[in-house]
């Protein structure tokens, strides 16, 4: 890197002395770690499984149709546990759909 530039001379060669990405201010952009990825996705209403590093036939797990905040939080905790123990994404999504139906039943008059 030259003294006047904050970008590496060869961006394809990342390493401790040549970070992969930098902002124009010279700050290093950290790549998401598995913990950071979960922190980002967990609060979303719709989990994008590819962002979590999960390659499956389904692309999302939906929590946006669970009206009760307490039940939505429990469903997310349960789905995260299922995914982290290696059970299939399809199984976690199927269980979440069942919880969604139950939540809608509870919310009906």
N, C-alpha and C. Protein backbone atom coordinates (compact mmCIF):
# COMPACT_ATOMS: atom_id res chain seq x y z
N UNK A 1 0.85 -1.19 0.00
CA UNK A 1 0.00 0.00 0.00
C UNK A 1 0.89 1.24 0.00
N UNK A 2 0.45 2.22 -0.71
CA UNK A 2 1.20 3.47 -0.68
C UNK A 2 0.74 4.29 0.51
N UNK A 3 1.53 5.29 0.85
CA UNK A 3 1.19 6.10 2.01
C UNK A 3 -0.05 6.95 1.78
N UNK A 4 -0.34 7.29 0.52
CA UNK A 4 -1.49 8.14 0.24
C UNK A 4 -2.77 7.35 0.04
N UNK A 5 -2.67 6.05 -0.11
CA UNK A 5 -3.84 5.23 -0.37
C UNK A 5 -4.17 4.39 0.85
N UNK A 6 -5.46 4.23 1.09
CA UNK A 6 -5.91 3.35 2.18
C UNK A 6 -6.33 1.99 1.66
N UNK A 7 -6.29 1.80 0.37
CA UNK A 7 -6.68 0.53 -0.22
C UNK A 7 -5.44 -0.29 -0.51
N UNK A 8 -5.49 -1.60 -0.35
CA UNK A 8 -4.33 -2.43 -0.65
C UNK A 8 -4.03 -2.39 -2.15
N UNK A 9 -2.75 -2.55 -2.49
CA UNK A 9 -2.34 -2.52 -3.89
C UNK A 9 -2.98 -3.66 -4.66
N UNK A 10 -3.10 -4.81 -4.06
CA UNK A 10 -3.71 -5.96 -4.70
C UNK A 10 -4.82 -6.49 -3.81
N UNK A 11 -6.10 -6.07 -4.04
CA UNK A 11 -7.17 -6.49 -3.14
C UNK A 11 -7.42 -7.99 -3.12
N UNK A 12 -6.92 -8.73 -4.10
CA UNK A 12 -7.11 -10.17 -4.12
C UNK A 12 -6.25 -10.89 -3.11
N UNK A 13 -5.21 -10.25 -2.61
CA UNK A 13 -4.32 -10.87 -1.63
C UNK A 13 -4.63 -10.31 -0.24
N UNK A 14 -5.51 -10.99 0.45
CA UNK A 14 -5.87 -10.57 1.79
C UNK A 14 -4.94 -11.24 2.79
N UNK A 15 -4.73 -10.59 3.89
CA UNK A 15 -3.90 -11.13 4.94
C UNK A 15 -3.82 -10.13 6.06
N UNK A 16 -3.03 -10.43 7.11
CA UNK A 16 -2.94 -9.51 8.23
C UNK A 16 -2.45 -8.13 7.80
N UNK A 17 -1.48 -8.10 6.86
CA UNK A 17 -0.96 -6.82 6.43
C UNK A 17 -1.77 -6.23 5.28
N UNK A 18 -2.60 -7.04 4.65
CA UNK A 18 -3.43 -6.60 3.54
C UNK A 18 -4.87 -7.06 3.79
N UNK A 19 -5.64 -6.30 4.56
CA UNK A 19 -7.02 -6.70 4.81
C UNK A 19 -7.81 -6.74 3.51
N UNK A 20 -8.80 -7.62 3.47
CA UNK A 20 -9.58 -7.82 2.24
C UNK A 20 -10.35 -6.57 1.85
N UNK A 21 -11.02 -5.93 2.81
CA UNK A 21 -11.82 -4.75 2.53
C UNK A 21 -11.47 -3.64 3.50
N UNK A 22 -11.50 -2.43 3.01
CA UNK A 22 -11.30 -1.29 3.87
C UNK A 22 -12.25 -0.18 3.46
N UNK A 23 -12.67 0.62 4.42
CA UNK A 23 -13.45 1.81 4.11
C UNK A 23 -12.50 2.90 3.65
N UNK A 24 -13.03 3.96 3.06
CA UNK A 24 -12.18 5.05 2.62
C UNK A 24 -11.47 5.72 3.78
N UNK A 25 -11.94 5.52 5.00
CA UNK A 25 -11.29 6.10 6.17
C UNK A 25 -10.13 5.25 6.67
N UNK A 26 -9.98 4.07 6.07
CA UNK A 26 -8.91 3.19 6.50
C UNK A 26 -9.36 2.17 7.54
N UNK A 27 -10.66 2.19 7.93
CA UNK A 27 -11.15 1.21 8.90
C UNK A 27 -11.31 -0.14 8.21
N UNK A 28 -10.98 -1.18 8.91
CA UNK A 28 -11.15 -2.53 8.39
C UNK A 28 -12.60 -2.96 8.56
N UNK A 29 -13.15 -3.57 7.53
CA UNK A 29 -14.50 -4.13 7.62
C UNK A 29 -14.34 -5.58 8.01
N UNK A 30 -14.92 -5.93 9.13
CA UNK A 30 -14.81 -7.30 9.61
C UNK A 30 -15.80 -8.19 8.87
N UNK A 31 -15.36 -9.36 8.48
CA UNK A 31 -16.27 -10.32 7.88
C UNK A 31 -17.10 -10.93 9.00
N UNK A 32 -18.37 -11.22 8.72
CA UNK A 32 -19.22 -11.77 9.77
C UNK A 32 -18.70 -13.12 10.27
N UNK A 33 -18.69 -13.27 11.57
CA UNK A 33 -18.37 -14.56 12.16
C UNK A 33 -19.69 -15.30 12.37
N UNK A 34 -19.65 -16.59 12.62
CA UNK A 34 -20.91 -17.30 12.85
C UNK A 34 -21.76 -16.67 13.95
N UNK A 35 -21.14 -16.19 15.01
CA UNK A 35 -21.91 -15.56 16.09
C UNK A 35 -22.55 -14.26 15.59
N UNK A 36 -21.78 -13.46 14.85
CA UNK A 36 -22.34 -12.21 14.34
C UNK A 36 -23.48 -12.46 13.37
N UNK A 37 -23.36 -13.48 12.55
CA UNK A 37 -24.42 -13.80 11.60
C UNK A 37 -25.70 -14.15 12.34
N UNK A 38 -25.60 -14.96 13.38
CA UNK A 38 -26.79 -15.30 14.17
C UNK A 38 -27.35 -14.06 14.85
N UNK A 39 -26.48 -13.19 15.35
CA UNK A 39 -26.96 -11.97 15.99
C UNK A 39 -27.75 -11.11 15.02
N UNK A 40 -27.31 -11.07 13.77
CA UNK A 40 -27.99 -10.28 12.75
C UNK A 40 -29.32 -10.92 12.36
N UNK A 41 -29.30 -12.20 12.06
CA UNK A 41 -30.51 -12.87 11.57
C UNK A 41 -31.55 -13.08 12.65
N UNK A 42 -31.13 -13.29 13.88
CA UNK A 42 -32.06 -13.66 14.94
C UNK A 42 -33.19 -12.65 15.11
N UNK A 43 -32.89 -11.38 15.00
CA UNK A 43 -33.91 -10.35 15.21
C UNK A 43 -34.83 -10.16 14.01
N UNK A 44 -34.52 -10.75 12.89
CA UNK A 44 -35.35 -10.59 11.69
C UNK A 44 -36.65 -11.38 11.82
N UNK A 45 -37.66 -10.91 11.12
CA UNK A 45 -38.94 -11.61 11.06
C UNK A 45 -38.86 -12.82 10.13
N UNK A 46 -37.95 -12.76 9.18
CA UNK A 46 -37.75 -13.84 8.22
C UNK A 46 -36.26 -14.17 8.22
N UNK A 47 -35.92 -15.39 8.60
CA UNK A 47 -34.51 -15.80 8.59
C UNK A 47 -34.13 -16.25 7.20
N UNK A 48 -33.02 -15.72 6.70
CA UNK A 48 -32.47 -16.12 5.41
C UNK A 48 -31.43 -17.19 5.68
N UNK A 49 -31.75 -18.41 5.35
CA UNK A 49 -30.90 -19.54 5.73
C UNK A 49 -29.53 -19.48 5.08
N UNK A 50 -29.42 -18.96 3.88
CA UNK A 50 -28.11 -18.85 3.25
C UNK A 50 -27.19 -17.92 4.03
N UNK A 51 -27.76 -16.88 4.63
CA UNK A 51 -26.96 -15.96 5.46
C UNK A 51 -26.40 -16.68 6.68
N UNK A 52 -27.09 -17.72 7.12
CA UNK A 52 -26.64 -18.50 8.27
C UNK A 52 -25.70 -19.63 7.85
N UNK A 53 -25.43 -19.73 6.56
CA UNK A 53 -24.55 -20.78 6.07
C UNK A 53 -25.25 -22.11 5.89
N UNK A 54 -26.57 -22.09 5.81
CA UNK A 54 -27.36 -23.31 5.67
C UNK A 54 -27.85 -23.42 4.24
N UNK A 55 -27.42 -24.46 3.58
CA UNK A 55 -27.86 -24.70 2.21
C UNK A 55 -28.93 -25.78 2.25
N UNK A 56 -30.14 -25.39 1.88
CA UNK A 56 -31.27 -26.31 1.94
C UNK A 56 -32.22 -26.00 0.79
N UNK A 57 -33.20 -26.88 0.61
CA UNK A 57 -34.21 -26.66 -0.43
C UNK A 57 -35.02 -25.41 -0.15
N UNK A 58 -35.25 -25.12 1.12
CA UNK A 58 -35.98 -23.91 1.48
C UNK A 58 -34.99 -22.79 1.74
N UNK A 59 -35.42 -21.56 1.52
CA UNK A 59 -34.51 -20.42 1.66
C UNK A 59 -34.76 -19.61 2.92
N UNK A 60 -35.97 -19.73 3.50
CA UNK A 60 -36.35 -18.88 4.63
C UNK A 60 -37.11 -19.66 5.69
N UNK A 61 -37.06 -19.14 6.91
CA UNK A 61 -37.97 -19.57 7.98
C UNK A 61 -38.72 -18.32 8.40
N UNK A 62 -40.04 -18.40 8.39
CA UNK A 62 -40.90 -17.23 8.61
C UNK A 62 -41.41 -17.18 10.04
N UNK A 63 -41.24 -16.01 10.66
CA UNK A 63 -41.80 -15.76 11.99
C UNK A 63 -42.75 -14.57 11.97
N UNK A 64 -42.95 -13.99 10.81
CA UNK A 64 -43.71 -12.75 10.70
C UNK A 64 -45.21 -12.92 10.92
N UNK A 65 -45.69 -14.14 10.93
CA UNK A 65 -47.13 -14.38 11.12
C UNK A 65 -47.47 -14.87 12.52
N UNK A 66 -46.51 -14.77 13.42
CA UNK A 66 -46.77 -15.13 14.82
C UNK A 66 -47.02 -13.82 15.57
N UNK A 67 -48.28 -13.53 15.94
CA UNK A 67 -48.58 -12.22 16.53
C UNK A 67 -48.13 -12.04 17.98
N UNK A 68 -47.98 -13.12 18.73
CA UNK A 68 -47.61 -13.00 20.15
C UNK A 68 -46.08 -12.91 20.27
N UNK A 69 -45.57 -11.80 20.81
CA UNK A 69 -44.12 -11.65 20.93
C UNK A 69 -43.46 -12.76 21.76
N UNK A 70 -44.13 -13.18 22.83
CA UNK A 70 -43.54 -14.22 23.69
C UNK A 70 -43.44 -15.55 22.94
N UNK A 71 -44.44 -15.86 22.12
CA UNK A 71 -44.43 -17.11 21.37
C UNK A 71 -43.44 -17.03 20.20
N UNK A 72 -43.34 -15.86 19.59
CA UNK A 72 -42.39 -15.66 18.51
C UNK A 72 -40.97 -15.86 19.02
N UNK A 73 -40.68 -15.32 20.19
CA UNK A 73 -39.34 -15.48 20.78
C UNK A 73 -39.05 -16.95 21.07
N UNK A 74 -40.02 -17.66 21.63
CA UNK A 74 -39.83 -19.09 21.89
C UNK A 74 -39.66 -19.89 20.61
N UNK A 75 -40.41 -19.53 19.57
CA UNK A 75 -40.29 -20.22 18.28
C UNK A 75 -38.90 -20.00 17.69
N UNK A 76 -38.38 -18.79 17.81
CA UNK A 76 -37.04 -18.50 17.29
C UNK A 76 -35.97 -19.27 18.07
N UNK A 77 -36.10 -19.29 19.38
CA UNK A 77 -35.14 -20.04 20.19
C UNK A 77 -35.17 -21.52 19.84
N UNK A 78 -36.37 -22.06 19.67
CA UNK A 78 -36.53 -23.46 19.33
C UNK A 78 -35.95 -23.76 17.94
N UNK A 79 -36.25 -22.90 16.96
CA UNK A 79 -35.74 -23.10 15.60
C UNK A 79 -34.22 -22.99 15.57
N UNK A 80 -33.67 -22.03 16.30
CA UNK A 80 -32.20 -21.90 16.34
C UNK A 80 -31.58 -23.15 16.95
N UNK A 81 -32.17 -23.65 18.02
CA UNK A 81 -31.66 -24.87 18.64
C UNK A 81 -31.70 -26.03 17.65
N UNK A 82 -32.83 -26.16 16.93
CA UNK A 82 -32.97 -27.25 15.96
C UNK A 82 -31.91 -27.15 14.87
N UNK A 83 -31.70 -25.95 14.36
CA UNK A 83 -30.71 -25.76 13.30
C UNK A 83 -29.29 -25.99 13.81
N UNK A 84 -29.00 -25.54 15.02
CA UNK A 84 -27.64 -25.66 15.55
C UNK A 84 -27.29 -27.09 15.96
N UNK A 85 -28.29 -27.93 16.18
CA UNK A 85 -28.00 -29.33 16.52
C UNK A 85 -27.88 -30.21 15.28
N UNK A 86 -28.03 -29.59 14.10
CA UNK A 86 -27.83 -30.33 12.86
C UNK A 86 -29.08 -30.91 12.25
N UNK A 87 -30.23 -30.66 12.86
CA UNK A 87 -31.47 -31.14 12.25
C UNK A 87 -31.73 -30.31 11.00
N UNK A 88 -32.43 -30.86 10.06
CA UNK A 88 -32.63 -30.21 8.78
C UNK A 88 -33.42 -28.91 8.86
N UNK A 89 -33.13 -28.04 7.93
CA UNK A 89 -33.84 -26.76 7.84
C UNK A 89 -35.32 -27.00 7.54
N UNK A 90 -35.61 -28.02 6.74
CA UNK A 90 -37.00 -28.33 6.42
C UNK A 90 -37.77 -28.70 7.68
N UNK A 91 -37.14 -29.44 8.57
CA UNK A 91 -37.78 -29.83 9.83
C UNK A 91 -38.03 -28.61 10.71
N UNK A 92 -37.06 -27.72 10.80
CA UNK A 92 -37.23 -26.50 11.61
C UNK A 92 -38.31 -25.61 11.01
N UNK A 93 -38.35 -25.50 9.69
CA UNK A 93 -39.38 -24.68 9.04
C UNK A 93 -40.76 -25.29 9.22
N UNK A 94 -40.85 -26.61 9.14
CA UNK A 94 -42.13 -27.28 9.33
C UNK A 94 -42.65 -27.08 10.75
N UNK A 95 -41.79 -27.21 11.72
CA UNK A 95 -42.18 -26.97 13.11
C UNK A 95 -42.59 -25.53 13.35
N UNK A 96 -41.89 -24.61 12.71
CA UNK A 96 -42.23 -23.19 12.85
C UNK A 96 -43.60 -22.91 12.22
N UNK A 97 -43.90 -23.56 11.11
CA UNK A 97 -45.23 -23.40 10.50
C UNK A 97 -46.32 -23.91 11.45
N UNK A 98 -46.06 -25.02 12.14
CA UNK A 98 -47.04 -25.54 13.10
C UNK A 98 -47.25 -24.55 14.25
N UNK A 99 -46.16 -23.97 14.73
CA UNK A 99 -46.27 -22.96 15.80
C UNK A 99 -47.04 -21.75 15.30
N UNK A 100 -46.82 -21.38 14.05
CA UNK A 100 -47.53 -20.24 13.45
C UNK A 100 -49.03 -20.51 13.41
N UNK A 101 -49.42 -21.70 13.00
CA UNK A 101 -50.84 -22.05 12.98
C UNK A 101 -51.44 -22.00 14.39
N UNK A 102 -50.70 -22.50 15.35
CA UNK A 102 -51.16 -22.47 16.74
C UNK A 102 -51.30 -21.02 17.22
N UNK A 103 -50.32 -20.18 16.89
CA UNK A 103 -50.36 -18.76 17.29
C UNK A 103 -51.57 -18.06 16.68
N UNK A 104 -51.87 -18.37 15.45
CA UNK A 104 -53.03 -17.75 14.80
C UNK A 104 -54.34 -18.25 15.41
N UNK A 105 -54.35 -19.50 15.81
CA UNK A 105 -55.52 -20.03 16.53
C UNK A 105 -55.72 -19.29 17.85
N UNK A 106 -54.63 -19.10 18.59
CA UNK A 106 -54.72 -18.39 19.87
C UNK A 106 -55.22 -16.96 19.69
N UNK A 107 -54.84 -16.33 18.58
CA UNK A 107 -55.21 -14.94 18.33
C UNK A 107 -56.62 -14.78 17.80
N UNK A 108 -57.23 -15.88 17.33
CA UNK A 108 -58.57 -15.77 16.76
C UNK A 108 -59.61 -15.61 17.86
N UNK A 109 -60.72 -14.90 17.54
CA UNK A 109 -61.76 -14.66 18.57
C UNK A 109 -62.53 -15.91 18.92
